[in-house]
C-alpha atoms as a PDB file:
ATOM      1  CA  UNK A   1      62.341  99.301  97.086  1.00  0.00           C
ATOM      2  CA  UNK A   2      63.717 102.463  98.714  1.00  0.00           C
ATOM      3  CA  UNK A   3      63.078 100.913 102.117  1.00  0.00           C
ATOM      4  CA  UNK A   4      65.208  97.858 101.233  1.00  0.00           C
ATOM      5  CA  UNK A   5      68.077 100.033 100.006  1.00  0.00           C
ATOM      6  CA  UNK A   6      67.872 102.231 103.131  1.00  0.00           C
ATOM      7  CA  UNK A   7      67.747  99.154 105.408  1.00  0.00           C
ATOM      8  CA  UNK A   8      70.752  97.597 103.674  1.00  0.00           C
ATOM      9  CA  UNK A   9      72.702 100.852 103.941  1.00  0.00           C
ATOM     10  CA  UNK A  10      71.778 101.217 107.623  1.00  0.00           C
ATOM     11  CA  UNK A  11      72.812  97.627 108.385  1.00  0.00           C
ATOM     12  CA  UNK A  12      76.119  98.171 106.605  1.00  0.00           C
ATOM     13  CA  UNK A  13      76.857 101.350 108.586  1.00  0.00           C
ATOM     14  CA  UNK A  14      75.896  99.628 111.850  1.00  0.00           C
ATOM     15  CA  UNK A  15      78.177  96.667 111.125  1.00  0.00           C
ATOM     16  CA  UNK A  16      81.034  99.000 110.172  1.00  0.00           C
ATOM     17  CA  UNK A  17      80.586 100.882 113.461  1.00  0.00           C
ATOM     18  CA  UNK A  18      80.636  97.641 115.460  1.00  0.00           C
ATOM     19  CA  UNK A  19      83.701  96.528 113.489  1.00  0.00           C
ATOM     20  CA  UNK A  20      85.494  99.785 114.282  1.00  0.00           C
ATOM     21  CA  UNK A  21      84.738  99.347 117.991  1.00  0.00           C
ATOM     22  CA  UNK A  22      86.297  95.875 117.916  1.00  0.00           C
ATOM     23  CA  UNK A  23      89.316  96.910 115.822  1.00  0.00           C
ATOM     24  CA  UNK A  24      91.609  96.973 118.861  1.00  0.00           C
ATOM     25  CA  UNK A  25      91.252  93.187 119.094  1.00  0.00           C
ATOM     26  CA  UNK A  26      91.974  92.643 115.419  1.00  0.00           C
ATOM     27  CA  UNK A  27      95.256  91.384 113.960  1.00  0.00           C
ATOM     28  CA  UNK A  28      97.475  93.644 111.842  1.00  0.00           C
ATOM     29  CA  UNK A  29      96.546  93.649 108.149  1.00  0.00           C
ATOM     30  CA  UNK A  30      99.689  93.127 106.063  1.00  0.00           C
ATOM     31  CA  UNK A  31      98.095  93.223 102.586  1.00  0.00           C
ATOM     32  CA  UNK A  32      95.127  92.103 100.475  1.00  0.00           C
ATOM     33  CA  UNK A  33      95.190  90.676  96.952  1.00  0.00           C
ATOM     34  CA  UNK A  34      92.117  90.561  94.697  1.00  0.00           C
ATOM     35  CA  UNK A  35      91.304  87.123  93.329  1.00  0.00           C
ATOM     36  CA  UNK A  36      87.919  87.633  91.611  1.00  0.00           C
ATOM     37  CA  UNK A  37      86.742  90.894  90.088  1.00  0.00           C
ATOM     38  CA  UNK A  38      83.171  91.942  90.930  1.00  0.00           C
ATOM     39  CA  UNK A  39      81.277  94.635  89.016  1.00  0.00           C
ATOM     40  CA  UNK A  40      80.176  97.591  91.235  1.00  0.00           C
ATOM     41  CA  UNK A  41      80.840  95.696  94.501  1.00  0.00           C
ATOM     42  CA  UNK A  42      84.023  94.728  96.335  1.00  0.00           C
ATOM     43  CA  UNK A  43      86.187  91.997  94.774  1.00  0.00           C
ATOM     44  CA  UNK A  44      86.858  88.639  96.417  1.00  0.00           C
ATOM     45  CA  UNK A  45      90.268  88.895  98.109  1.00  0.00           C
ATOM     46  CA  UNK A  46      92.915  87.033 100.015  1.00  0.00           C
ATOM     47  CA  UNK A  47      93.950  88.957 103.129  1.00  0.00           C
ATOM     48  CA  UNK A  48      97.170  88.335 105.059  1.00  0.00           C
ATOM     49  CA  UNK A  49      97.302  89.285 108.743  1.00  0.00           C
ATOM     50  CA  UNK A  50      99.845  89.142 111.581  1.00  0.00           C
ATOM     51  CA  UNK A  51      99.172  88.463 115.252  1.00  0.00           C
ATOM     52  CA  UNK A  52     101.518  88.152 118.211  1.00  0.00           C
ATOM     53  CA  UNK A  53     100.929  85.329 120.672  1.00  0.00           C
ATOM     54  CA  UNK A  54      99.475  87.123 123.715  1.00  0.00           C
ATOM     55  CA  UNK A  55     101.237  84.928 126.308  1.00  0.00           C
ATOM     56  CA  UNK A  56     104.426  84.013 124.404  1.00  0.00           C
ATOM     57  CA  UNK A  57     106.605  87.053 123.729  1.00  0.00           C
ATOM     58  CA  UNK A  58     108.852  86.543 120.706  1.00  0.00           C
ATOM     59  CA  UNK A  59     106.382  84.455 118.633  1.00  0.00           C
ATOM     60  CA  UNK A  60     104.220  85.857 115.837  1.00  0.00           C
ATOM     61  CA  UNK A  61     101.808  84.157 113.449  1.00  0.00           C
ATOM     62  CA  UNK A  62     100.777  85.195 109.961  1.00  0.00           C
ATOM     63  CA  UNK A  63      97.602  83.842 108.428  1.00  0.00           C
ATOM     64  CA  UNK A  64      95.854  84.308 105.100  1.00  0.00           C
ATOM     65  CA  UNK A  65      92.081  84.111 104.790  1.00  0.00           C
ATOM     66  CA  UNK A  66      89.709  84.537 101.855  1.00  0.00           C
ATOM     67  CA  UNK A  67      87.324  87.491 102.080  1.00  0.00           C
ATOM     68  CA  UNK A  68      84.160  87.441 100.002  1.00  0.00           C
ATOM     69  CA  UNK A  69      83.212  90.469  97.992  1.00  0.00           C
ATOM     70  CA  UNK A  70      79.957  90.996  96.180  1.00  0.00           C
ATOM     71  CA  UNK A  71      76.834  92.345  97.842  1.00  0.00           C
ATOM     72  CA  UNK A  72      76.917  89.916 100.802  1.00  0.00           C
ATOM     73  CA  UNK A  73      80.578  90.707 101.496  1.00  0.00           C
ATOM     74  CA  UNK A  74      79.899  94.432 101.202  1.00  0.00           C
ATOM     75  CA  UNK A  75      77.032  94.171 103.705  1.00  0.00           C
ATOM     76  CA  UNK A  76      79.099  92.008 106.069  1.00  0.00           C
ATOM     77  CA  UNK A  77      76.737  89.013 105.985  1.00  0.00           C
ATOM     78  CA  UNK A  78      78.733  86.630 103.768  1.00  0.00           C
ATOM     79  CA  UNK A  79      79.775  83.308 105.277  1.00  0.00           C
ATOM     80  CA  UNK A  80      83.474  83.003 104.605  1.00  0.00           C
ATOM     81  CA  UNK A  81      84.975  79.691 103.506  1.00  0.00           C
ATOM     82  CA  UNK A  82      87.157  77.706 105.904  1.00  0.00           C
ATOM     83  CA  UNK A  83      90.373  77.858 103.851  1.00  0.00           C
ATOM     84  CA  UNK A  84      93.068  79.423 106.042  1.00  0.00           C
ATOM     85  CA  UNK A  85      96.845  79.126 105.886  1.00  0.00           C
ATOM     86  CA  UNK A  86      99.079  79.678 108.906  1.00  0.00           C
ATOM     87  CA  UNK A  87     102.796  80.313 109.530  1.00  0.00           C
ATOM     88  CA  UNK A  88     104.219  81.039 112.994  1.00  0.00           C
ATOM     89  CA  UNK A  89     107.827  81.986 113.737  1.00  0.00           C
ATOM     90  CA  UNK A  90     110.142  83.007 116.539  1.00  0.00           C
ATOM     91  CA  UNK A  91     110.793  86.731 115.988  1.00  0.00           C
ATOM     92  CA  UNK A  92     112.768  87.533 119.122  1.00  0.00           C
ATOM     93  CA  UNK A  93     113.804  86.101 122.464  1.00  0.00           C
ATOM     94  CA  UNK A  94     110.997  83.882 123.773  1.00  0.00           C
ATOM     95  CA  UNK A  95     109.381  84.518 127.133  1.00  0.00           C
ATOM     96  CA  UNK A  96     106.349  82.468 128.155  1.00  0.00           C
ATOM     97  CA  UNK A  97     104.372  84.707 130.527  1.00  0.00           C
ATOM     98  CA  UNK A  98     101.949  82.158 132.015  1.00  0.00           C
ATOM     99  CA  UNK A  99     100.974  78.503 132.037  1.00  0.00           C
ATOM    100  CA  UNK A 100      98.630  77.247 129.314  1.00  0.00           C
ATOM    101  CA  UNK A 101      96.638  74.143 128.442  1.00  0.00           C
ATOM    102  CA  UNK A 102      97.321  71.994 125.395  1.00  0.00           C
ATOM    103  CA  UNK A 103      95.033  73.239 122.617  1.00  0.00           C
ATOM    104  CA  UNK A 104      94.326  76.544 124.378  1.00  0.00           C
ATOM    105  CA  UNK A 105      92.852  79.247 122.141  1.00  0.00           C
ATOM    106  CA  UNK A 106      95.317  81.979 121.213  1.00  0.00           C
ATOM    107  CA  UNK A 107      93.100  83.931 118.768  1.00  0.00           C
ATOM    108  CA  UNK A 108      89.514  83.861 117.494  1.00  0.00           C
ATOM    109  CA  UNK A 109      87.879  85.710 114.608  1.00  0.00           C
ATOM    110  CA  UNK A 110      84.261  85.742 113.388  1.00  0.00           C
ATOM    111  CA  UNK A 111      83.958  84.337 109.847  1.00  0.00           C
ATOM    112  CA  UNK A 112      80.215  84.689 109.269  1.00  0.00           C
ATOM    113  CA  UNK A 113      77.420  86.956 110.436  1.00  0.00           C
ATOM    114  CA  UNK A 114      76.479  84.673 113.342  1.00  0.00           C
ATOM    115  CA  UNK A 115      77.771  81.136 113.592  1.00  0.00           C
ATOM    116  CA  UNK A 116      81.247  80.531 112.160  1.00  0.00           C
ATOM    117  CA  UNK A 117      84.566  81.300 113.859  1.00  0.00           C
ATOM    118  CA  UNK A 118      88.204  80.796 112.914  1.00  0.00           C
ATOM    119  CA  UNK A 119      90.372  79.764 115.853  1.00  0.00           C
ATOM    120  CA  UNK A 120      94.132  79.538 116.385  1.00  0.00           C
ATOM    121  CA  UNK A 121      95.076  77.248 119.258  1.00  0.00           C
ATOM    122  CA  UNK A 122      98.461  76.582 120.857  1.00  0.00           C
ATOM    123  CA  UNK A 123     100.131  73.464 122.208  1.00  0.00           C
ATOM    124  CA  UNK A 124     103.579  72.271 123.234  1.00  0.00           C
ATOM    125  CA  UNK A 125     105.636  69.331 121.972  1.00  0.00           C
ATOM    126  CA  UNK A 126     107.695  69.071 125.180  1.00  0.00           C
ATOM    127  CA  UNK A 127     109.962  66.322 123.838  1.00  0.00           C
ATOM    128  CA  UNK A 128     111.214  68.607 121.040  1.00  0.00           C
ATOM    129  CA  UNK A 129     110.675  71.965 122.845  1.00  0.00           C
ATOM    130  CA  UNK A 130     108.432  73.151 120.024  1.00  0.00           C
ATOM    131  CA  UNK A 131     105.280  75.296 120.196  1.00  0.00           C
ATOM    132  CA  UNK A 132     102.584  73.965 117.874  1.00  0.00           C
ATOM    133  CA  UNK A 133      99.868  76.220 116.438  1.00  0.00           C
ATOM    134  CA  UNK A 134      96.710  74.943 114.721  1.00  0.00           C
ATOM    135  CA  UNK A 135      94.155  77.028 112.815  1.00  0.00           C
ATOM    136  CA  UNK A 136      90.660  75.700 112.044  1.00  0.00           C
ATOM    137  CA  UNK A 137      87.086  76.874 111.577  1.00  0.00           C
ATOM    138  CA  UNK A 138      84.108  75.818 113.612  1.00  0.00           C
ATOM    139  CA  UNK A 139      80.415  76.362 113.281  1.00  0.00           C
ATOM    140  CA  UNK A 140      77.562  76.097 115.777  1.00  0.00           C
ATOM    141  CA  UNK A 141      76.228  72.940 114.115  1.00  0.00           C
ATOM    142  CA  UNK A 142      79.124  71.569 112.084  1.00  0.00           C
ATOM    143  CA  UNK A 143      82.803  72.523 111.905  1.00  0.00           C
ATOM    144  CA  UNK A 144      85.224  72.113 109.057  1.00  0.00           C
ATOM    145  CA  UNK A 145      88.034  69.576 108.763  1.00  0.00           C
ATOM    146  CA  UNK A 146      90.104  72.162 106.861  1.00  0.00           C
ATOM    147  CA  UNK A 147      93.068  73.213 108.978  1.00  0.00           C
ATOM    148  CA  UNK A 148      96.685  74.285 108.931  1.00  0.00           C
ATOM    149  CA  UNK A 149      99.494  73.653 111.428  1.00  0.00           C
ATOM    150  CA  UNK A 150     102.679  75.594 112.095  1.00  0.00           C
ATOM    151  CA  UNK A 151     105.479  74.856 114.539  1.00  0.00           C
ATOM    152  CA  UNK A 152     107.957  77.122 116.313  1.00  0.00           C
ATOM    153  CA  UNK A 153     111.096  75.413 117.654  1.00  0.00           C
ATOM    154  CA  UNK A 154     112.212  77.431 120.683  1.00  0.00           C
ATOM    155  CA  UNK A 155     115.792  78.467 119.930  1.00  0.00           C
ATOM    156  CA  UNK A 156     118.415  80.633 121.655  1.00  0.00           C
ATOM    157  CA  UNK A 157     118.243  84.335 120.726  1.00  0.00           C
ATOM    158  CA  UNK A 158     121.575  86.057 121.118  1.00  0.00           C
ATOM    159  CA  UNK A 159     122.908  84.827 124.454  1.00  0.00           C
ATOM    160  CA  UNK A 160     119.419  84.177 125.897  1.00  0.00           C
ATOM    161  CA  UNK A 161     118.468  80.511 126.240  1.00  0.00           C
ATOM    162  CA  UNK A 162     114.848  79.625 125.383  1.00  0.00           C
ATOM    163  CA  UNK A 163     112.366  78.416 127.993  1.00  0.00           C
ATOM    164  CA  UNK A 164     111.190  74.809 127.992  1.00  0.00           C
ATOM    165  CA  UNK A 165     107.581  74.968 126.818  1.00  0.00           C
ATOM    166  CA  UNK A 166     106.803  71.766 128.735  1.00  0.00           C
ATOM    167  CA  UNK A 167     107.439  73.665 131.988  1.00  0.00           C
ATOM    168  CA  UNK A 168     104.420  75.889 131.187  1.00  0.00           C
ATOM    169  CA  UNK A 169     101.842  73.267 130.133  1.00  0.00           C
ATOM    170  CA  UNK A 170      99.067  72.758 132.676  1.00  0.00           C
ATOM    171  CA  UNK A 171      98.275  69.139 133.512  1.00  0.00           C
END
């Protein structure tokens, strides 16, 4: 029994160390809200994060994901559910720094110990000059149809005119 407790504690510390090493790539945590109380282990929570589009200055996305508590959440081995909400907005003058493909990945986050990932992808509605962001989860064997979409109409900011997103979409 002591061996199992020591192994679980060691695995938890190892995963926390790996998580700290990857923290530079993580989005900004805005806040967490407990949804289910758990006795002696972390509660289930909803966590809201912010991320800036790495190739589109002036656009930020906020997303909320459930985070499992309990023993599996505490050890970092819980498979998180695919429910994610997404809202993206223009937060300053927009500058598109490079060309991109329709549906190109903007952000990815691991949602289970090995196989599940949450992805935010970007596209352009050239007719309306609107950036379109889609969040979804995928799994090695089977993905999830659960998704959320957010749009960002490119608007003037002060006296600066916005770029035409269609000029940056690769054919």
